[in-house]
């Protein structure tokens, strides 16, 4: 993913939150983006996820400007997003959350169900827990389900906004280990916004967002 001179300002204001940011995110690496509250970290992730469009500049994925792509398809197949608050469907099971995500990406059939349980097993969610409704799982377990859901479509890019903000130290370590494995073993680009010093220590690259500018 390539950011080329991107800037962003909220509608109705002249002030730019992000200023001429350029950066190349590579596969196989875990990135952490840090910065004080209000610096625009979540806004930056929203732009990369195709949830909003830059005021100026372009974001390229596989040499294509995402502003010119079908952004629903982009989000369903190319980039996964993990939120601090999990954003899981609460009235279905953990496994069903994964299966529904895979269905949206075009994967169907019994094999899809098997894959969903296998992916959950890899992050420590047993078959028995996979069949529980989401609210019957702990916060750490819910976040692991959310990570699997975000990667279940096979997307090469994973973006996470404060994914350990609601977790204790043990669960934070587990989640960051999962992100490292996803980036290193599955050769994905993982980009995490965080305030956590522990999370930052796990990153391959640490970037700081300050006064609308991104730097090492």
N, C-alpha and C. Protein backbone atom coordinates (compact mmCIF):
# COMPACT_ATOMS: atom_id res chain seq x y z
N UNK A 1 0.85 -1.18 0.00
CA UNK A 1 0.00 0.00 0.00
C UNK A 1 0.89 1.24 0.00
N UNK A 2 0.55 2.19 -0.86
CA UNK A 2 1.38 3.38 -1.03
C UNK A 2 0.53 4.63 -0.78
N UNK A 3 0.99 5.47 0.15
CA UNK A 3 0.36 6.77 0.39
C UNK A 3 1.18 7.81 -0.36
N UNK A 4 0.52 8.61 -1.17
CA UNK A 4 1.22 9.60 -1.98
C UNK A 4 0.64 10.99 -1.73
N UNK A 5 1.37 11.77 -0.94
CA UNK A 5 1.01 13.17 -0.68
C UNK A 5 -0.43 13.34 -0.22
N UNK A 6 -0.87 12.49 0.71
CA UNK A 6 -2.27 12.57 1.12
C UNK A 6 -2.47 13.63 2.21
N UNK A 7 -3.56 14.35 2.10
CA UNK A 7 -3.99 15.32 3.10
C UNK A 7 -5.47 15.10 3.34
N UNK A 8 -5.91 15.52 4.53
CA UNK A 8 -7.34 15.35 4.85
C UNK A 8 -7.80 16.46 5.77
N UNK A 9 -8.96 17.02 5.43
CA UNK A 9 -9.61 18.01 6.28
C UNK A 9 -11.09 17.69 6.38
N UNK A 10 -11.67 17.92 7.54
CA UNK A 10 -13.08 17.63 7.73
C UNK A 10 -13.94 18.64 6.98
N UNK A 11 -15.09 18.18 6.51
CA UNK A 11 -16.01 19.06 5.78
C UNK A 11 -16.38 20.28 6.62
N UNK A 12 -16.37 21.43 5.98
CA UNK A 12 -16.78 22.65 6.66
C UNK A 12 -15.67 23.34 7.43
N UNK A 13 -14.45 22.77 7.38
CA UNK A 13 -13.31 23.40 8.05
C UNK A 13 -12.17 23.55 7.06
N UNK A 14 -11.34 24.55 7.30
CA UNK A 14 -10.18 24.76 6.45
C UNK A 14 -8.94 24.06 6.99
N UNK A 15 -8.98 23.69 8.26
CA UNK A 15 -7.82 23.06 8.89
C UNK A 15 -7.63 21.63 8.39
N UNK A 16 -6.41 21.30 8.00
CA UNK A 16 -6.08 19.95 7.56
C UNK A 16 -5.60 19.12 8.76
N UNK A 17 -6.18 17.94 8.92
CA UNK A 17 -5.78 17.04 10.00
C UNK A 17 -4.50 16.29 9.61
N UNK A 18 -4.41 15.93 8.33
CA UNK A 18 -3.24 15.23 7.80
C UNK A 18 -2.63 16.08 6.69
N UNK A 19 -1.30 16.12 6.66
CA UNK A 19 -0.61 17.01 5.73
C UNK A 19 0.39 16.25 4.85
N UNK A 20 0.11 16.12 3.58
CA UNK A 20 1.06 15.63 2.57
C UNK A 20 1.86 14.41 3.04
N UNK A 21 1.13 13.40 3.49
CA UNK A 21 1.79 12.19 3.97
C UNK A 21 2.10 11.25 2.81
N UNK A 22 3.34 10.82 2.76
CA UNK A 22 3.76 9.83 1.78
C UNK A 22 4.48 8.70 2.51
N UNK A 23 4.11 7.47 2.20
CA UNK A 23 4.77 6.33 2.83
C UNK A 23 4.42 5.06 2.06
N UNK A 24 5.34 4.09 2.07
CA UNK A 24 5.11 2.80 1.44
C UNK A 24 5.07 1.72 2.52
N UNK A 25 3.94 1.07 2.68
CA UNK A 25 3.78 -0.04 3.62
C UNK A 25 4.05 -1.35 2.87
N UNK A 26 4.91 -2.19 3.44
CA UNK A 26 5.33 -3.41 2.78
C UNK A 26 4.67 -4.64 3.40
N UNK A 27 4.54 -5.69 2.60
CA UNK A 27 4.02 -6.96 3.12
C UNK A 27 5.07 -7.61 4.01
N UNK A 28 4.60 -8.46 4.91
CA UNK A 28 5.52 -9.19 5.78
C UNK A 28 6.03 -8.41 6.96
N UNK A 29 5.43 -7.23 7.22
CA UNK A 29 5.89 -6.40 8.32
C UNK A 29 4.72 -5.97 9.21
N UNK A 30 5.04 -5.83 10.50
CA UNK A 30 4.08 -5.32 11.48
C UNK A 30 4.45 -3.87 11.80
N UNK A 31 3.54 -2.96 11.48
CA UNK A 31 3.74 -1.53 11.71
C UNK A 31 2.89 -1.09 12.90
N UNK A 32 3.45 -0.20 13.73
CA UNK A 32 2.66 0.45 14.77
C UNK A 32 2.72 1.95 14.52
N UNK A 33 1.56 2.59 14.54
CA UNK A 33 1.47 4.03 14.40
C UNK A 33 1.06 4.61 15.76
N UNK A 34 1.89 5.51 16.27
CA UNK A 34 1.64 6.11 17.57
C UNK A 34 1.37 7.61 17.41
N UNK A 35 1.01 8.24 18.52
CA UNK A 35 0.74 9.67 18.50
C UNK A 35 -0.30 10.02 19.53
N UNK A 36 -0.34 11.27 19.92
CA UNK A 36 -1.29 11.72 20.93
C UNK A 36 -2.72 11.66 20.41
N UNK A 37 -3.67 11.65 21.32
CA UNK A 37 -5.08 11.67 20.92
C UNK A 37 -5.37 12.94 20.12
N UNK A 38 -6.19 12.79 19.09
CA UNK A 38 -6.55 13.93 18.26
C UNK A 38 -5.60 14.24 17.15
N UNK A 39 -4.56 13.41 16.97
CA UNK A 39 -3.58 13.67 15.92
C UNK A 39 -4.02 13.17 14.55
N UNK A 40 -5.09 12.36 14.51
CA UNK A 40 -5.60 11.89 13.22
C UNK A 40 -5.26 10.46 12.89
N UNK A 41 -4.88 9.67 13.88
CA UNK A 41 -4.48 8.28 13.62
C UNK A 41 -5.65 7.46 13.08
N UNK A 42 -6.81 7.58 13.73
CA UNK A 42 -7.99 6.83 13.26
C UNK A 42 -8.42 7.33 11.89
N UNK A 43 -8.31 8.62 11.64
CA UNK A 43 -8.62 9.17 10.32
C UNK A 43 -7.72 8.56 9.26
N UNK A 44 -6.44 8.45 9.56
CA UNK A 44 -5.50 7.85 8.61
C UNK A 44 -5.88 6.41 8.29
N UNK A 45 -6.23 5.65 9.32
CA UNK A 45 -6.64 4.26 9.09
C UNK A 45 -7.92 4.19 8.26
N UNK A 46 -8.84 5.10 8.52
CA UNK A 46 -10.10 5.12 7.77
C UNK A 46 -9.85 5.36 6.28
N UNK A 47 -8.89 6.21 5.98
CA UNK A 47 -8.54 6.47 4.57
C UNK A 47 -7.93 5.23 3.94
N UNK A 48 -7.03 4.56 4.65
CA UNK A 48 -6.38 3.36 4.11
C UNK A 48 -7.38 2.22 3.95
N UNK A 49 -8.38 2.20 4.81
CA UNK A 49 -9.41 1.15 4.72
C UNK A 49 -10.48 1.46 3.69
N UNK A 50 -10.40 2.65 3.08
CA UNK A 50 -11.40 3.01 2.09
C UNK A 50 -12.73 3.43 2.69
N UNK A 51 -12.74 3.74 3.99
CA UNK A 51 -13.97 4.18 4.64
C UNK A 51 -14.24 5.65 4.38
N UNK A 52 -13.20 6.37 3.98
CA UNK A 52 -13.31 7.78 3.62
C UNK A 52 -12.28 8.06 2.53
N UNK A 53 -12.38 9.22 1.89
CA UNK A 53 -11.48 9.57 0.81
C UNK A 53 -10.62 10.76 1.18
N UNK A 54 -9.40 10.78 0.67
CA UNK A 54 -8.47 11.88 0.93
C UNK A 54 -9.01 13.18 0.35
N UNK A 55 -8.70 14.28 1.01
CA UNK A 55 -8.99 15.60 0.45
C UNK A 55 -8.04 15.89 -0.71
N UNK A 56 -6.79 15.46 -0.56
CA UNK A 56 -5.78 15.60 -1.61
C UNK A 56 -4.89 14.36 -1.58
N UNK A 57 -4.25 14.07 -2.72
CA UNK A 57 -3.35 12.94 -2.79
C UNK A 57 -4.07 11.64 -3.11
N UNK A 58 -3.29 10.56 -3.16
CA UNK A 58 -3.84 9.26 -3.52
C UNK A 58 -3.28 8.16 -2.62
N UNK A 59 -4.08 7.11 -2.47
CA UNK A 59 -3.64 5.88 -1.81
C UNK A 59 -3.73 4.76 -2.84
N UNK A 60 -2.60 4.10 -3.08
CA UNK A 60 -2.55 3.07 -4.10
C UNK A 60 -2.46 1.68 -3.46
N UNK A 61 -3.27 0.79 -4.00
CA UNK A 61 -3.20 -0.62 -3.62
C UNK A 61 -3.02 -1.41 -4.91
N UNK A 62 -1.91 -2.16 -4.97
CA UNK A 62 -1.56 -2.91 -6.20
C UNK A 62 -1.60 -1.98 -7.41
N UNK A 63 -0.99 -0.81 -7.23
CA UNK A 63 -0.83 0.20 -8.30
C UNK A 63 -2.15 0.81 -8.78
N UNK A 64 -3.21 0.65 -7.99
CA UNK A 64 -4.49 1.25 -8.33
C UNK A 64 -4.91 2.22 -7.24
N UNK A 65 -5.40 3.39 -7.64
CA UNK A 65 -5.91 4.38 -6.71
C UNK A 65 -7.21 3.85 -6.12
N UNK A 66 -7.25 3.67 -4.79
CA UNK A 66 -8.44 3.06 -4.20
C UNK A 66 -9.68 3.94 -4.35
N UNK A 67 -9.48 5.24 -4.57
CA UNK A 67 -10.62 6.13 -4.79
C UNK A 67 -11.36 5.79 -6.08
N UNK A 68 -10.66 5.11 -7.01
CA UNK A 68 -11.26 4.74 -8.29
C UNK A 68 -11.73 3.29 -8.31
N UNK A 69 -11.55 2.60 -7.20
CA UNK A 69 -11.95 1.20 -7.10
C UNK A 69 -13.35 1.09 -6.52
N UNK A 70 -13.95 -0.09 -6.63
CA UNK A 70 -15.18 -0.40 -5.91
C UNK A 70 -14.76 -0.60 -4.46
N UNK A 71 -15.04 0.39 -3.60
CA UNK A 71 -14.50 0.33 -2.24
C UNK A 71 -15.18 -0.73 -1.37
N UNK A 72 -16.41 -1.12 -1.70
CA UNK A 72 -17.04 -2.22 -0.98
C UNK A 72 -16.29 -3.51 -1.26
N UNK A 73 -15.94 -3.73 -2.51
CA UNK A 73 -15.17 -4.92 -2.88
C UNK A 73 -13.77 -4.86 -2.29
N UNK A 74 -13.18 -3.67 -2.29
CA UNK A 74 -11.86 -3.48 -1.71
C UNK A 74 -11.84 -3.91 -0.24
N UNK A 75 -12.85 -3.48 0.51
CA UNK A 75 -12.90 -3.81 1.93
C UNK A 75 -13.26 -5.27 2.17
N UNK A 76 -14.02 -5.86 1.26
CA UNK A 76 -14.43 -7.26 1.47
C UNK A 76 -13.35 -8.25 1.07
N UNK A 77 -12.40 -7.82 0.21
CA UNK A 77 -11.42 -8.79 -0.31
C UNK A 77 -9.95 -8.38 -0.13
N UNK A 78 -9.68 -7.10 0.04
CA UNK A 78 -8.29 -6.64 0.02
C UNK A 78 -7.77 -6.17 1.36
N UNK A 79 -8.64 -5.65 2.21
CA UNK A 79 -8.18 -5.11 3.49
C UNK A 79 -9.14 -5.51 4.59
N UNK A 80 -8.58 -5.98 5.71
CA UNK A 80 -9.39 -6.32 6.87
C UNK A 80 -9.20 -5.27 7.95
N UNK A 81 -10.24 -5.02 8.73
CA UNK A 81 -10.19 -3.97 9.76
C UNK A 81 -10.59 -4.56 11.12
N UNK A 82 -9.78 -4.25 12.13
CA UNK A 82 -10.06 -4.68 13.51
C UNK A 82 -10.25 -3.42 14.36
N UNK A 83 -11.32 -3.42 15.15
CA UNK A 83 -11.65 -2.25 15.97
C UNK A 83 -11.42 -2.54 17.45
N UNK A 84 -11.22 -1.48 18.23
CA UNK A 84 -11.04 -1.63 19.66
C UNK A 84 -12.26 -2.26 20.31
N UNK A 85 -13.44 -1.91 19.80
CA UNK A 85 -14.69 -2.40 20.39
C UNK A 85 -15.21 -3.68 19.73
N UNK A 86 -14.34 -4.36 18.95
CA UNK A 86 -14.60 -5.66 18.31
C UNK A 86 -15.55 -5.59 17.13
N UNK A 87 -16.71 -4.91 17.28
CA UNK A 87 -17.69 -4.76 16.19
C UNK A 87 -18.15 -6.10 15.61
N UNK A 88 -18.33 -7.07 16.47
CA UNK A 88 -18.82 -8.39 16.04
C UNK A 88 -20.34 -8.43 16.09
N UNK A 89 -20.93 -9.35 15.32
CA UNK A 89 -22.37 -9.57 15.38
C UNK A 89 -22.67 -10.34 16.66
N UNK A 90 -23.45 -9.75 17.55
CA UNK A 90 -23.63 -10.32 18.88
C UNK A 90 -24.69 -11.40 18.95
N UNK A 91 -25.57 -11.45 17.96
CA UNK A 91 -26.67 -12.41 18.03
C UNK A 91 -26.36 -13.73 17.34
N UNK A 92 -25.10 -13.91 16.92
CA UNK A 92 -24.68 -15.17 16.32
C UNK A 92 -23.41 -15.66 17.02
N UNK A 93 -22.97 -16.85 16.68
CA UNK A 93 -21.80 -17.44 17.33
C UNK A 93 -20.50 -16.87 16.74
N UNK A 94 -19.40 -17.22 17.41
CA UNK A 94 -18.09 -16.81 16.91
C UNK A 94 -17.85 -17.37 15.52
N UNK A 95 -18.14 -18.66 15.35
CA UNK A 95 -17.93 -19.30 14.06
C UNK A 95 -18.80 -18.66 12.98
N UNK A 96 -20.04 -18.34 13.33
CA UNK A 96 -20.93 -17.73 12.34
C UNK A 96 -20.45 -16.35 11.92
N UNK A 97 -19.82 -15.60 12.84
CA UNK A 97 -19.22 -14.32 12.47
C UNK A 97 -18.18 -14.52 11.37
N UNK A 98 -17.38 -15.56 11.50
CA UNK A 98 -16.33 -15.83 10.51
C UNK A 98 -16.93 -16.30 9.19
N UNK A 99 -17.88 -17.22 9.29
CA UNK A 99 -18.50 -17.78 8.08
C UNK A 99 -19.21 -16.70 7.28
N UNK A 100 -19.92 -15.82 7.96
CA UNK A 100 -20.61 -14.73 7.26
C UNK A 100 -19.62 -13.81 6.54
N UNK A 101 -18.49 -13.54 7.17
CA UNK A 101 -17.47 -12.72 6.53
C UNK A 101 -16.92 -13.40 5.29
N UNK A 102 -16.72 -14.71 5.37
CA UNK A 102 -16.22 -15.47 4.23
C UNK A 102 -17.26 -15.50 3.11
N UNK A 103 -18.53 -15.60 3.49
CA UNK A 103 -19.60 -15.59 2.48
C UNK A 103 -19.62 -14.28 1.71
N UNK A 104 -19.47 -13.16 2.44
CA UNK A 104 -19.45 -11.85 1.80
C UNK A 104 -18.31 -11.75 0.80
N UNK A 105 -17.18 -12.41 1.12
CA UNK A 105 -16.02 -12.40 0.22
C UNK A 105 -16.16 -13.40 -0.92
N UNK A 106 -17.29 -14.13 -0.96
CA UNK A 106 -17.54 -15.04 -2.07
C UNK A 106 -17.23 -16.49 -1.80
N UNK A 107 -16.90 -16.83 -0.53
CA UNK A 107 -16.59 -18.22 -0.18
C UNK A 107 -17.83 -18.89 0.38
N UNK A 108 -18.17 -20.06 -0.15
CA UNK A 108 -19.38 -20.77 0.26
C UNK A 108 -19.07 -22.25 0.46
N UNK A 109 -20.01 -22.97 1.12
CA UNK A 109 -19.93 -24.42 1.20
C UNK A 109 -19.39 -24.95 2.51
N UNK A 110 -19.43 -26.30 2.63
CA UNK A 110 -19.00 -26.97 3.85
C UNK A 110 -17.53 -26.72 4.17
N UNK A 111 -16.70 -26.64 3.14
CA UNK A 111 -15.28 -26.41 3.35
C UNK A 111 -15.04 -25.06 4.04
N UNK A 112 -15.88 -24.10 3.70
CA UNK A 112 -15.78 -22.79 4.34
C UNK A 112 -16.01 -22.90 5.84
N UNK A 113 -17.01 -23.70 6.23
CA UNK A 113 -17.27 -23.91 7.65
C UNK A 113 -16.07 -24.53 8.35
N UNK A 114 -15.46 -25.52 7.73
CA UNK A 114 -14.28 -26.18 8.31
C UNK A 114 -13.14 -25.19 8.46
N UNK A 115 -12.95 -24.37 7.45
CA UNK A 115 -11.88 -23.37 7.49
C UNK A 115 -12.11 -22.37 8.63
N UNK A 116 -13.36 -22.00 8.85
CA UNK A 116 -13.67 -21.04 9.91
C UNK A 116 -13.27 -21.59 11.28
N UNK A 117 -13.65 -22.85 11.55
CA UNK A 117 -13.29 -23.46 12.82
C UNK A 117 -11.77 -23.62 12.94
N UNK A 118 -11.12 -23.97 11.85
CA UNK A 118 -9.66 -24.15 11.87
C UNK A 118 -8.95 -22.84 12.16
N UNK A 119 -9.42 -21.74 11.57
CA UNK A 119 -8.80 -20.43 11.80
C UNK A 119 -8.99 -19.99 13.25
N UNK A 120 -10.16 -20.25 13.80
CA UNK A 120 -10.40 -19.91 15.20
C UNK A 120 -9.53 -20.75 16.13
N UNK A 121 -9.36 -22.01 15.78
CA UNK A 121 -8.50 -22.89 16.57
C UNK A 121 -7.07 -22.37 16.62
N UNK A 122 -6.61 -21.81 15.54
CA UNK A 122 -5.24 -21.29 15.46
C UNK A 122 -5.00 -20.14 16.43
N UNK A 123 -6.04 -19.41 16.79
CA UNK A 123 -5.88 -18.30 17.74
C UNK A 123 -6.40 -18.66 19.13
N UNK A 124 -6.57 -19.95 19.37
CA UNK A 124 -6.92 -20.42 20.70
C UNK A 124 -8.40 -20.45 21.02
N UNK A 125 -9.25 -20.39 20.00
CA UNK A 125 -10.69 -20.50 20.20
C UNK A 125 -11.12 -21.92 19.83
N UNK A 126 -11.43 -22.72 20.84
CA UNK A 126 -11.78 -24.12 20.60
C UNK A 126 -13.11 -24.24 19.86
N UNK A 127 -13.38 -25.46 19.37
CA UNK A 127 -14.64 -25.71 18.66
C UNK A 127 -15.83 -25.40 19.57
N UNK A 128 -15.69 -25.77 20.84
CA UNK A 128 -16.79 -25.53 21.78
C UNK A 128 -17.03 -24.03 21.95
N UNK A 129 -15.96 -23.25 22.09
CA UNK A 129 -16.12 -21.80 22.24
C UNK A 129 -16.56 -21.15 20.94
N UNK A 130 -16.16 -21.71 19.82
CA UNK A 130 -16.56 -21.17 18.52
C UNK A 130 -18.06 -21.25 18.32
N UNK A 131 -18.71 -22.18 19.02
CA UNK A 131 -20.16 -22.33 18.91
C UNK A 131 -20.93 -21.52 19.96
N UNK A 132 -20.20 -20.71 20.73
CA UNK A 132 -20.86 -19.85 21.70
C UNK A 132 -21.24 -18.51 21.05
N UNK A 133 -22.33 -17.91 21.55
CA UNK A 133 -22.65 -16.55 21.14
C UNK A 133 -21.53 -15.62 21.60
N UNK A 134 -21.31 -14.57 20.87
CA UNK A 134 -20.18 -13.67 21.10
C UNK A 134 -20.12 -13.15 22.54
N UNK A 135 -21.26 -12.77 23.11
CA UNK A 135 -21.26 -12.20 24.45
C UNK A 135 -20.94 -13.23 25.54
N UNK A 136 -20.85 -14.50 25.18
CA UNK A 136 -20.46 -15.54 26.12
C UNK A 136 -18.94 -15.72 26.15
N UNK A 137 -18.22 -14.94 25.35
CA UNK A 137 -16.77 -15.00 25.31
C UNK A 137 -16.17 -13.81 26.04
N UNK A 138 -14.93 -13.98 26.52
CA UNK A 138 -14.24 -12.87 27.19
C UNK A 138 -13.83 -11.82 26.18
N UNK A 139 -13.41 -10.65 26.68
CA UNK A 139 -12.96 -9.59 25.78
C UNK A 139 -11.79 -10.01 24.92
N UNK A 140 -10.82 -10.70 25.51
CA UNK A 140 -9.67 -11.17 24.75
C UNK A 140 -10.08 -12.16 23.68
N UNK A 141 -11.03 -13.04 24.01
CA UNK A 141 -11.51 -14.02 23.03
C UNK A 141 -12.27 -13.32 21.91
N UNK A 142 -13.06 -12.33 22.26
CA UNK A 142 -13.81 -11.60 21.24
C UNK A 142 -12.85 -10.88 20.27
N UNK A 143 -11.77 -10.32 20.80
CA UNK A 143 -10.84 -9.64 19.91
C UNK A 143 -10.12 -10.62 19.00
N UNK A 144 -9.85 -11.82 19.49
CA UNK A 144 -9.24 -12.84 18.62
C UNK A 144 -10.21 -13.25 17.52
N UNK A 145 -11.48 -13.36 17.85
CA UNK A 145 -12.50 -13.65 16.83
C UNK A 145 -12.53 -12.52 15.80
N UNK A 146 -12.44 -11.29 16.28
CA UNK A 146 -12.47 -10.14 15.38
C UNK A 146 -11.28 -10.15 14.42
N UNK A 147 -10.13 -10.56 14.92
CA UNK A 147 -8.94 -10.65 14.06
C UNK A 147 -9.13 -11.72 12.99
N UNK A 148 -9.66 -12.86 13.39
CA UNK A 148 -9.91 -13.93 12.41
C UNK A 148 -10.92 -13.46 11.37
N UNK A 149 -11.96 -12.78 11.81
CA UNK A 149 -12.97 -12.29 10.86
C UNK A 149 -12.33 -11.33 9.85
N UNK A 150 -11.43 -10.48 10.33
CA UNK A 150 -10.79 -9.50 9.45
C UNK A 150 -9.85 -10.13 8.44
N UNK A 151 -9.35 -11.33 8.75
CA UNK A 151 -8.41 -12.00 7.84
C UNK A 151 -9.06 -13.15 7.07
N UNK A 152 -10.30 -13.48 7.42
CA UNK A 152 -10.95 -14.65 6.82
C UNK A 152 -11.19 -14.51 5.33
N UNK A 153 -11.24 -13.26 4.84
CA UNK A 153 -11.45 -13.06 3.41
C UNK A 153 -10.17 -13.17 2.60
N UNK A 154 -9.06 -13.48 3.30
CA UNK A 154 -7.79 -13.63 2.60
C UNK A 154 -7.11 -12.32 2.26
N UNK A 155 -7.55 -11.22 2.87
CA UNK A 155 -7.02 -9.90 2.53
C UNK A 155 -5.54 -9.80 2.88
N UNK A 156 -4.73 -9.21 1.98
CA UNK A 156 -3.29 -9.08 2.22
C UNK A 156 -2.93 -7.99 3.22
N UNK A 157 -3.88 -7.10 3.52
CA UNK A 157 -3.62 -5.99 4.44
C UNK A 157 -4.57 -6.08 5.62
N UNK A 158 -4.02 -5.92 6.84
CA UNK A 158 -4.83 -5.92 8.05
C UNK A 158 -4.57 -4.61 8.79
N UNK A 159 -5.64 -3.88 9.08
CA UNK A 159 -5.55 -2.59 9.76
C UNK A 159 -6.29 -2.71 11.09
N UNK A 160 -5.64 -2.25 12.18
CA UNK A 160 -6.25 -2.39 13.50
C UNK A 160 -6.16 -1.07 14.26
N UNK A 161 -7.29 -0.62 14.79
CA UNK A 161 -7.36 0.64 15.52
C UNK A 161 -7.46 0.38 17.02
N UNK A 162 -6.38 0.61 17.76
CA UNK A 162 -6.32 0.38 19.20
C UNK A 162 -6.87 -1.01 19.58
N UNK A 163 -6.37 -2.07 18.96
CA UNK A 163 -6.97 -3.40 19.16
C UNK A 163 -6.76 -3.97 20.56
N UNK A 164 -5.82 -3.41 21.33
CA UNK A 164 -5.58 -3.94 22.68
C UNK A 164 -6.03 -2.95 23.75
N UNK A 165 -6.72 -1.89 23.34
CA UNK A 165 -7.10 -0.84 24.29
C UNK A 165 -8.01 -1.31 25.41
N UNK A 166 -8.80 -2.34 25.17
CA UNK A 166 -9.74 -2.83 26.19
C UNK A 166 -9.25 -4.11 26.87
N UNK A 167 -7.99 -4.48 26.64
CA UNK A 167 -7.51 -5.78 27.11
C UNK A 167 -6.49 -5.63 28.23
N UNK A 168 -6.41 -6.68 29.07
CA UNK A 168 -5.38 -6.71 30.10
C UNK A 168 -4.03 -7.08 29.47
N UNK A 169 -2.98 -7.07 30.29
CA UNK A 169 -1.63 -7.27 29.78
C UNK A 169 -1.45 -8.62 29.10
N UNK A 170 -2.01 -9.68 29.68
CA UNK A 170 -1.85 -11.02 29.10
C UNK A 170 -2.52 -11.11 27.74
N UNK A 171 -3.76 -10.61 27.65
CA UNK A 171 -4.47 -10.67 26.38
C UNK A 171 -3.84 -9.75 25.35
N UNK A 172 -3.29 -8.64 25.81
CA UNK A 172 -2.59 -7.74 24.89
C UNK A 172 -1.40 -8.45 24.26
N UNK A 173 -0.65 -9.17 25.08
CA UNK A 173 0.49 -9.92 24.55
C UNK A 173 0.06 -10.98 23.55
N UNK A 174 -1.05 -11.66 23.85
CA UNK A 174 -1.56 -12.69 22.94
C UNK A 174 -1.96 -12.09 21.60
N UNK A 175 -2.66 -10.98 21.64
CA UNK A 175 -3.12 -10.34 20.40
C UNK A 175 -1.93 -9.86 19.56
N UNK A 176 -0.93 -9.25 20.22
CA UNK A 176 0.24 -8.78 19.46
C UNK A 176 1.03 -9.95 18.87
N UNK A 177 1.08 -11.07 19.58
CA UNK A 177 1.73 -12.26 19.02
C UNK A 177 1.00 -12.74 17.77
N UNK A 178 -0.32 -12.66 17.80
CA UNK A 178 -1.11 -13.06 16.63
C UNK A 178 -0.80 -12.14 15.45
N UNK A 179 -0.74 -10.84 15.71
CA UNK A 179 -0.42 -9.90 14.63
C UNK A 179 0.97 -10.18 14.04
N UNK A 180 1.93 -10.50 14.90
CA UNK A 180 3.28 -10.81 14.41
C UNK A 180 3.27 -12.04 13.52
N UNK A 181 2.54 -13.07 13.93
CA UNK A 181 2.46 -14.28 13.12
C UNK A 181 1.78 -14.01 11.78
N UNK A 182 0.72 -13.21 11.82
CA UNK A 182 0.02 -12.89 10.57
C UNK A 182 0.94 -12.18 9.61
N UNK A 183 1.72 -11.23 10.11
CA UNK A 183 2.62 -10.47 9.23
C UNK A 183 3.79 -11.32 8.76
N UNK A 184 4.44 -12.03 9.67
CA UNK A 184 5.66 -12.75 9.33
C UNK A 184 5.42 -14.10 8.66
N UNK A 185 4.46 -14.87 9.18
CA UNK A 185 4.23 -16.22 8.66
C UNK A 185 3.27 -16.24 7.48
N UNK A 186 2.32 -15.31 7.45
CA UNK A 186 1.36 -15.26 6.34
C UNK A 186 1.70 -14.17 5.34
N UNK A 187 2.79 -13.46 5.58
CA UNK A 187 3.30 -12.42 4.67
C UNK A 187 2.26 -11.35 4.37
N UNK A 188 1.59 -10.89 5.42
CA UNK A 188 0.62 -9.82 5.26
C UNK A 188 1.19 -8.51 5.80
N UNK A 189 0.63 -7.43 5.37
CA UNK A 189 0.96 -6.10 5.88
C UNK A 189 -0.01 -5.80 7.02
N UNK A 190 0.51 -5.66 8.24
CA UNK A 190 -0.33 -5.41 9.41
C UNK A 190 0.01 -4.02 9.96
N UNK A 191 -1.01 -3.17 10.06
CA UNK A 191 -0.83 -1.79 10.50
C UNK A 191 -1.70 -1.55 11.73
N UNK A 192 -1.06 -1.25 12.86
CA UNK A 192 -1.77 -1.13 14.13
C UNK A 192 -1.59 0.29 14.69
N UNK A 193 -2.70 0.96 15.00
CA UNK A 193 -2.64 2.21 15.75
C UNK A 193 -2.72 1.86 17.22
N UNK A 194 -1.82 2.42 18.02
CA UNK A 194 -1.79 2.05 19.43
C UNK A 194 -1.17 3.14 20.29
N UNK A 195 -1.58 3.17 21.56
CA UNK A 195 -0.93 3.99 22.58
C UNK A 195 -0.06 3.11 23.48
N UNK A 196 -0.10 1.81 23.27
CA UNK A 196 0.55 0.86 24.17
C UNK A 196 2.05 0.75 23.90
N UNK A 197 2.85 0.96 24.94
CA UNK A 197 4.30 0.80 24.80
C UNK A 197 4.67 -0.65 24.55
N UNK A 198 3.90 -1.57 25.16
CA UNK A 198 4.17 -2.99 24.97
C UNK A 198 3.92 -3.39 23.52
N UNK A 199 2.84 -2.88 22.95
CA UNK A 199 2.54 -3.20 21.55
C UNK A 199 3.61 -2.65 20.62
N UNK A 200 4.06 -1.43 20.90
CA UNK A 200 5.09 -0.80 20.07
C UNK A 200 6.37 -1.63 20.06
N UNK A 201 6.70 -2.23 21.19
CA UNK A 201 7.93 -3.04 21.28
C UNK A 201 7.88 -4.26 20.37
N UNK A 202 6.69 -4.68 19.95
CA UNK A 202 6.55 -5.86 19.10
C UNK A 202 6.64 -5.53 17.62
N UNK A 203 6.61 -4.26 17.28
CA UNK A 203 6.52 -3.84 15.87
C UNK A 203 7.87 -3.97 15.15
N UNK A 204 7.79 -4.20 13.84
CA UNK A 204 8.97 -4.14 12.98
C UNK A 204 9.32 -2.69 12.67
N UNK A 205 8.28 -1.88 12.51
CA UNK A 205 8.46 -0.46 12.18
C UNK A 205 7.50 0.36 13.05
N UNK A 206 8.03 1.40 13.69
CA UNK A 206 7.20 2.30 14.49
C UNK A 206 7.16 3.66 13.81
N UNK A 207 5.95 4.14 13.55
CA UNK A 207 5.74 5.44 12.92
C UNK A 207 5.01 6.35 13.88
N UNK A 208 5.34 7.64 13.85
CA UNK A 208 4.69 8.61 14.73
C UNK A 208 3.93 9.63 13.92
N UNK A 209 2.68 9.85 14.30
CA UNK A 209 1.87 10.87 13.66
C UNK A 209 1.82 12.08 14.59
N UNK A 210 2.33 13.21 14.10
CA UNK A 210 2.40 14.43 14.93
C UNK A 210 2.16 15.63 14.06
N UNK A 211 1.20 16.45 14.46
CA UNK A 211 0.83 17.66 13.72
C UNK A 211 0.56 17.36 12.24
N UNK A 212 -0.11 16.21 12.02
CA UNK A 212 -0.53 15.86 10.68
C UNK A 212 0.52 15.25 9.80
N UNK A 213 1.72 15.01 10.36
CA UNK A 213 2.81 14.44 9.58
C UNK A 213 3.24 13.11 10.14
N UNK A 214 3.60 12.18 9.26
CA UNK A 214 3.98 10.83 9.65
C UNK A 214 5.48 10.68 9.49
N UNK A 215 6.14 10.19 10.55
CA UNK A 215 7.60 10.05 10.49
C UNK A 215 8.04 8.83 11.29
N UNK A 216 9.27 8.39 11.04
CA UNK A 216 9.85 7.29 11.79
C UNK A 216 10.28 7.78 13.18
